[in-house]
Amino acid sequence: MSEENPGAKAALPLGPGAAAMLAAGVGCCALGVLAVATDHVPWLRGKMIFYRPTGPLSGVTTCAVLVWLLVWIFLEWRWGRRDVGLRPIATLALVLLGIGLLLTFPPVSDLF
């Protein structure tokens, strides 16, 4: 029978959590950038219409979700079993989230 140390923690790598956080930030930023781009670039607006009743919003959200998912898969592959510094990654993720959020508001997006 093995004795367990009740004070010991299981060492889980921080990479998967960091990958999820950063991918979420990148996906939010992609949504904002694509929203501004489709408002100001006519040929892109036409390409982003995946479902006619919703207009270019269907393509913008679909592409943003694809960016989020691909970034998450890539970062999970790179950081899946590693420890990474959470503080700089969380900071970058929050900055990207803020940028994406700001770009979806008309007063900010109309500046471009």
N, C-alpha and C. Protein backbone atom coordinates (compact mmCIF):
# COMPACT_ATOMS: atom_id res chain seq x y z
N MET A 1 0.84 -1.17 0.00
CA MET A 1 0.00 0.00 0.00
C MET A 1 0.89 1.24 0.00
N SER A 2 0.64 2.15 -0.91
CA SER A 2 1.47 3.34 -1.01
C SER A 2 0.89 4.46 -0.16
N GLU A 3 1.79 5.24 0.40
CA GLU A 3 1.36 6.38 1.20
C GLU A 3 1.34 7.61 0.32
N GLU A 4 0.29 8.38 0.45
CA GLU A 4 0.18 9.62 -0.31
C GLU A 4 0.50 10.79 0.59
N ASN A 5 1.19 11.74 0.06
CA ASN A 5 1.51 12.96 0.79
C ASN A 5 0.34 13.93 0.59
N PRO A 6 -0.43 14.22 1.66
CA PRO A 6 -1.59 15.08 1.49
C PRO A 6 -1.24 16.52 1.14
N GLY A 7 -0.03 16.94 1.43
CA GLY A 7 0.38 18.31 1.12
C GLY A 7 0.90 18.48 -0.29
N ALA A 8 1.17 17.39 -1.00
CA ALA A 8 1.73 17.47 -2.35
C ALA A 8 0.63 17.75 -3.37
N LYS A 9 0.96 18.59 -4.33
CA LYS A 9 0.03 18.90 -5.41
C LYS A 9 0.41 18.09 -6.64
N ALA A 10 -0.60 17.75 -7.42
CA ALA A 10 -0.32 17.12 -8.71
C ALA A 10 0.19 18.20 -9.64
N ALA A 11 1.29 17.93 -10.29
CA ALA A 11 1.90 18.92 -11.18
C ALA A 11 1.24 18.87 -12.55
N LEU A 12 0.33 19.79 -12.76
CA LEU A 12 -0.32 19.91 -14.07
C LEU A 12 0.38 21.00 -14.86
N PRO A 13 0.63 20.77 -16.13
CA PRO A 13 1.27 21.81 -16.93
C PRO A 13 0.31 22.98 -17.15
N LEU A 14 0.86 24.17 -17.26
CA LEU A 14 0.07 25.37 -17.46
C LEU A 14 -0.18 25.67 -18.94
N GLY A 15 0.48 24.94 -19.81
CA GLY A 15 0.37 25.20 -21.25
C GLY A 15 -1.04 25.13 -21.81
N PRO A 16 -1.83 24.10 -21.50
CA PRO A 16 -3.18 24.04 -22.07
C PRO A 16 -4.07 25.22 -21.67
N GLY A 17 -3.98 25.65 -20.43
CA GLY A 17 -4.76 26.80 -20.00
C GLY A 17 -4.30 28.08 -20.68
N ALA A 18 -3.00 28.23 -20.80
CA ALA A 18 -2.44 29.41 -21.48
C ALA A 18 -2.84 29.41 -22.95
N ALA A 19 -2.84 28.24 -23.57
CA ALA A 19 -3.24 28.13 -24.98
C ALA A 19 -4.69 28.55 -25.16
N ALA A 20 -5.55 28.13 -24.26
CA ALA A 20 -6.96 28.49 -24.35
C ALA A 20 -7.16 30.00 -24.16
N MET A 21 -6.46 30.58 -23.19
CA MET A 21 -6.60 32.03 -22.94
C MET A 21 -6.12 32.85 -24.13
N LEU A 22 -4.94 32.52 -24.63
CA LEU A 22 -4.39 33.30 -25.73
C LEU A 22 -5.22 33.12 -27.00
N ALA A 23 -5.68 31.91 -27.26
CA ALA A 23 -6.51 31.67 -28.43
C ALA A 23 -7.81 32.46 -28.35
N ALA A 24 -8.39 32.58 -27.17
CA ALA A 24 -9.62 33.37 -27.00
C ALA A 24 -9.35 34.84 -27.31
N GLY A 25 -8.23 35.35 -26.84
CA GLY A 25 -7.88 36.74 -27.14
C GLY A 25 -7.66 36.97 -28.62
N VAL A 26 -6.96 36.05 -29.27
CA VAL A 26 -6.72 36.18 -30.71
C VAL A 26 -8.04 36.10 -31.48
N GLY A 27 -8.92 35.20 -31.08
CA GLY A 27 -10.21 35.08 -31.75
C GLY A 27 -11.06 36.33 -31.60
N CYS A 28 -11.06 36.94 -30.42
CA CYS A 28 -11.81 38.19 -30.20
C CYS A 28 -11.22 39.32 -31.04
N CYS A 29 -9.91 39.40 -31.08
CA CYS A 29 -9.27 40.43 -31.90
C CYS A 29 -9.56 40.21 -33.38
N ALA A 30 -9.55 38.96 -33.81
CA ALA A 30 -9.88 38.65 -35.21
C ALA A 30 -11.30 39.08 -35.54
N LEU A 31 -12.22 38.88 -34.62
CA LEU A 31 -13.60 39.30 -34.84
C LEU A 31 -13.67 40.82 -35.05
N GLY A 32 -13.00 41.57 -34.22
CA GLY A 32 -13.00 43.02 -34.36
C GLY A 32 -12.35 43.50 -35.65
N VAL A 33 -11.21 42.92 -35.98
CA VAL A 33 -10.50 43.31 -37.20
C VAL A 33 -11.34 42.96 -38.43
N LEU A 34 -11.91 41.78 -38.45
CA LEU A 34 -12.75 41.38 -39.59
C LEU A 34 -14.00 42.24 -39.70
N ALA A 35 -14.58 42.62 -38.58
CA ALA A 35 -15.76 43.48 -38.60
C ALA A 35 -15.44 44.84 -39.22
N VAL A 36 -14.32 45.43 -38.82
CA VAL A 36 -13.91 46.72 -39.38
C VAL A 36 -13.56 46.56 -40.86
N ALA A 37 -12.84 45.52 -41.18
CA ALA A 37 -12.43 45.31 -42.57
C ALA A 37 -13.62 45.13 -43.50
N THR A 38 -14.62 44.37 -43.08
CA THR A 38 -15.77 44.16 -43.97
C THR A 38 -16.63 45.42 -44.08
N ASP A 39 -16.57 46.29 -43.10
CA ASP A 39 -17.31 47.56 -43.20
C ASP A 39 -16.65 48.53 -44.18
N HIS A 40 -15.34 48.43 -44.34
CA HIS A 40 -14.61 49.43 -45.13
C HIS A 40 -14.04 48.92 -46.45
N VAL A 41 -14.07 47.62 -46.68
CA VAL A 41 -13.51 47.07 -47.92
C VAL A 41 -14.64 46.37 -48.68
N PRO A 42 -15.14 47.00 -49.75
CA PRO A 42 -16.32 46.45 -50.44
C PRO A 42 -16.14 45.03 -50.98
N TRP A 43 -14.99 44.72 -51.56
CA TRP A 43 -14.83 43.37 -52.12
C TRP A 43 -14.81 42.31 -51.02
N LEU A 44 -14.29 42.66 -49.84
CA LEU A 44 -14.27 41.73 -48.73
C LEU A 44 -15.68 41.54 -48.17
N ARG A 45 -16.47 42.61 -48.17
CA ARG A 45 -17.85 42.52 -47.70
C ARG A 45 -18.61 41.48 -48.52
N GLY A 46 -18.40 41.49 -49.82
CA GLY A 46 -19.06 40.50 -50.68
C GLY A 46 -18.60 39.08 -50.42
N LYS A 47 -17.33 38.91 -50.13
CA LYS A 47 -16.78 37.57 -49.87
C LYS A 47 -17.23 37.01 -48.52
N MET A 48 -17.61 37.86 -47.59
CA MET A 48 -17.98 37.41 -46.25
C MET A 48 -19.45 37.04 -46.11
N ILE A 49 -20.20 37.13 -47.17
CA ILE A 49 -21.61 36.75 -47.10
C ILE A 49 -21.71 35.24 -47.30
N PHE A 50 -21.79 34.51 -46.20
CA PHE A 50 -21.93 33.05 -46.24
C PHE A 50 -23.40 32.65 -46.20
N TYR A 51 -24.20 33.49 -45.57
CA TYR A 51 -25.64 33.24 -45.43
C TYR A 51 -26.33 34.57 -45.68
N ARG A 52 -27.02 34.67 -46.81
CA ARG A 52 -27.54 35.94 -47.29
C ARG A 52 -28.41 36.70 -46.28
N PRO A 53 -29.33 36.07 -45.54
CA PRO A 53 -30.15 36.87 -44.61
C PRO A 53 -29.36 37.62 -43.53
N THR A 54 -28.21 37.12 -43.15
CA THR A 54 -27.43 37.84 -42.12
C THR A 54 -26.36 38.72 -42.73
N GLY A 55 -26.11 38.61 -44.00
CA GLY A 55 -25.11 39.45 -44.65
C GLY A 55 -23.69 39.06 -44.28
N PRO A 56 -22.78 40.04 -44.29
CA PRO A 56 -21.37 39.74 -44.02
C PRO A 56 -21.09 39.28 -42.60
N LEU A 57 -22.02 39.52 -41.68
CA LEU A 57 -21.81 39.08 -40.30
C LEU A 57 -21.62 37.56 -40.21
N SER A 58 -22.28 36.83 -41.11
CA SER A 58 -22.13 35.37 -41.10
C SER A 58 -20.70 34.95 -41.40
N GLY A 59 -20.06 35.60 -42.35
CA GLY A 59 -18.68 35.28 -42.67
C GLY A 59 -17.70 35.78 -41.64
N VAL A 60 -17.97 36.95 -41.08
CA VAL A 60 -17.08 37.52 -40.07
C VAL A 60 -17.02 36.60 -38.85
N THR A 61 -18.17 36.20 -38.35
CA THR A 61 -18.18 35.36 -37.15
C THR A 61 -17.63 33.97 -37.44
N THR A 62 -17.95 33.43 -38.61
CA THR A 62 -17.43 32.10 -38.96
C THR A 62 -15.92 32.12 -39.07
N CYS A 63 -15.37 33.13 -39.72
CA CYS A 63 -13.91 33.22 -39.86
C CYS A 63 -13.24 33.47 -38.52
N ALA A 64 -13.86 34.28 -37.66
CA ALA A 64 -13.28 34.52 -36.34
C ALA A 64 -13.25 33.24 -35.50
N VAL A 65 -14.31 32.45 -35.59
CA VAL A 65 -14.34 31.18 -34.86
C VAL A 65 -13.28 30.23 -35.42
N LEU A 66 -13.10 30.22 -36.73
CA LEU A 66 -12.06 29.38 -37.32
C LEU A 66 -10.66 29.81 -36.89
N VAL A 67 -10.43 31.12 -36.83
CA VAL A 67 -9.12 31.63 -36.35
C VAL A 67 -8.90 31.19 -34.91
N TRP A 68 -9.91 31.38 -34.06
CA TRP A 68 -9.81 30.97 -32.66
C TRP A 68 -9.48 29.49 -32.54
N LEU A 69 -10.21 28.66 -33.27
CA LEU A 69 -10.02 27.22 -33.18
C LEU A 69 -8.65 26.80 -33.69
N LEU A 70 -8.20 27.35 -34.81
CA LEU A 70 -6.89 26.98 -35.35
C LEU A 70 -5.76 27.43 -34.44
N VAL A 71 -5.89 28.63 -33.87
CA VAL A 71 -4.86 29.11 -32.94
C VAL A 71 -4.83 28.23 -31.69
N TRP A 72 -5.99 27.87 -31.19
CA TRP A 72 -6.06 27.02 -30.00
C TRP A 72 -5.43 25.66 -30.28
N ILE A 73 -5.74 25.06 -31.40
CA ILE A 73 -5.16 23.75 -31.76
C ILE A 73 -3.65 23.86 -31.87
N PHE A 74 -3.17 24.91 -32.54
CA PHE A 74 -1.73 25.08 -32.71
C PHE A 74 -1.03 25.29 -31.36
N LEU A 75 -1.58 26.18 -30.54
CA LEU A 75 -0.94 26.45 -29.25
C LEU A 75 -1.02 25.24 -28.31
N GLU A 76 -2.11 24.52 -28.37
CA GLU A 76 -2.22 23.29 -27.57
C GLU A 76 -1.17 22.28 -28.01
N TRP A 77 -0.93 22.19 -29.28
CA TRP A 77 0.09 21.28 -29.80
C TRP A 77 1.48 21.71 -29.32
N ARG A 78 1.73 23.04 -29.31
CA ARG A 78 3.04 23.53 -28.91
C ARG A 78 3.24 23.53 -27.39
N TRP A 79 2.19 23.86 -26.63
CA TRP A 79 2.33 24.06 -25.19
C TRP A 79 1.64 22.98 -24.36
N GLY A 80 1.12 21.97 -24.97
CA GLY A 80 0.28 21.00 -24.27
C GLY A 80 0.89 20.35 -23.04
N ARG A 81 2.17 20.08 -23.05
CA ARG A 81 2.81 19.41 -21.92
C ARG A 81 3.87 20.28 -21.25
N ARG A 82 3.81 21.58 -21.50
CA ARG A 82 4.83 22.49 -20.97
C ARG A 82 4.25 23.46 -19.97
N ASP A 83 5.12 23.97 -19.13
CA ASP A 83 4.75 25.08 -18.27
C ASP A 83 5.16 26.36 -18.98
N VAL A 84 4.27 27.30 -19.01
CA VAL A 84 4.55 28.60 -19.61
C VAL A 84 4.17 29.67 -18.60
N GLY A 85 4.71 30.84 -18.77
CA GLY A 85 4.38 31.95 -17.87
C GLY A 85 2.96 32.45 -18.13
N LEU A 86 2.10 32.32 -17.15
CA LEU A 86 0.70 32.72 -17.35
C LEU A 86 0.51 34.23 -17.34
N ARG A 87 1.27 34.95 -16.56
CA ARG A 87 1.06 36.39 -16.43
C ARG A 87 1.20 37.12 -17.77
N PRO A 88 2.28 36.95 -18.52
CA PRO A 88 2.36 37.68 -19.80
C PRO A 88 1.34 37.19 -20.82
N ILE A 89 1.01 35.92 -20.78
CA ILE A 89 0.02 35.40 -21.72
C ILE A 89 -1.37 35.91 -21.38
N ALA A 90 -1.70 35.95 -20.10
CA ALA A 90 -3.00 36.48 -19.69
C ALA A 90 -3.09 37.97 -20.01
N THR A 91 -2.01 38.70 -19.82
CA THR A 91 -2.00 40.12 -20.15
C THR A 91 -2.21 40.34 -21.64
N LEU A 92 -1.50 39.59 -22.45
CA LEU A 92 -1.66 39.70 -23.91
C LEU A 92 -3.08 39.31 -24.32
N ALA A 93 -3.62 38.27 -23.74
CA ALA A 93 -4.98 37.84 -24.06
C ALA A 93 -6.00 38.93 -23.72
N LEU A 94 -5.82 39.58 -22.56
CA LEU A 94 -6.73 40.67 -22.18
C LEU A 94 -6.60 41.88 -23.09
N VAL A 95 -5.39 42.19 -23.51
CA VAL A 95 -5.18 43.30 -24.45
C VAL A 95 -5.87 42.99 -25.78
N LEU A 96 -5.69 41.78 -26.28
CA LEU A 96 -6.33 41.39 -27.54
C LEU A 96 -7.85 41.39 -27.41
N LEU A 97 -8.35 40.94 -26.27
CA LEU A 97 -9.79 40.97 -26.02
C LEU A 97 -10.30 42.41 -26.03
N GLY A 98 -9.57 43.31 -25.39
CA GLY A 98 -9.96 44.72 -25.38
C GLY A 98 -9.96 45.33 -26.76
N ILE A 99 -8.94 45.03 -27.56
CA ILE A 99 -8.88 45.53 -28.92
C ILE A 99 -10.06 45.02 -29.73
N GLY A 100 -10.33 43.73 -29.63
CA GLY A 100 -11.46 43.16 -30.35
C GLY A 100 -12.78 43.78 -29.93
N LEU A 101 -12.94 44.00 -28.63
CA LEU A 101 -14.16 44.61 -28.13
C LEU A 101 -14.32 46.04 -28.63
N LEU A 102 -13.25 46.83 -28.56
CA LEU A 102 -13.32 48.20 -29.04
C LEU A 102 -13.63 48.29 -30.52
N LEU A 103 -13.06 47.39 -31.31
CA LEU A 103 -13.27 47.45 -32.76
C LEU A 103 -14.70 47.09 -33.17
N THR A 104 -15.47 46.50 -32.29
CA THR A 104 -16.85 46.16 -32.64
C THR A 104 -17.83 47.29 -32.35
N PHE A 105 -17.37 48.36 -31.70
CA PHE A 105 -18.25 49.50 -31.41
C PHE A 105 -18.15 50.51 -32.56
N PRO A 106 -19.29 50.96 -33.08
CA PRO A 106 -19.28 51.88 -34.23
C PRO A 106 -18.47 53.16 -34.04
N PRO A 107 -18.47 53.82 -32.89
CA PRO A 107 -17.65 55.04 -32.81
C PRO A 107 -16.17 54.76 -33.03
N VAL A 108 -15.69 53.63 -32.57
CA VAL A 108 -14.28 53.29 -32.75
C VAL A 108 -14.04 52.78 -34.16
N SER A 109 -14.89 51.91 -34.66
CA SER A 109 -14.67 51.36 -36.00
C SER A 109 -14.82 52.40 -37.08
N ASP A 110 -15.57 53.48 -36.82
CA ASP A 110 -15.72 54.54 -37.82
C ASP A 110 -14.49 55.43 -37.92
N LEU A 111 -13.55 55.27 -36.98
CA LEU A 111 -12.31 56.05 -37.06
C LEU A 111 -11.41 55.55 -38.18
N PHE A 112 -11.64 54.36 -38.66
CA PHE A 112 -10.78 53.79 -39.70
C PHE A 112 -11.35 53.98 -41.07
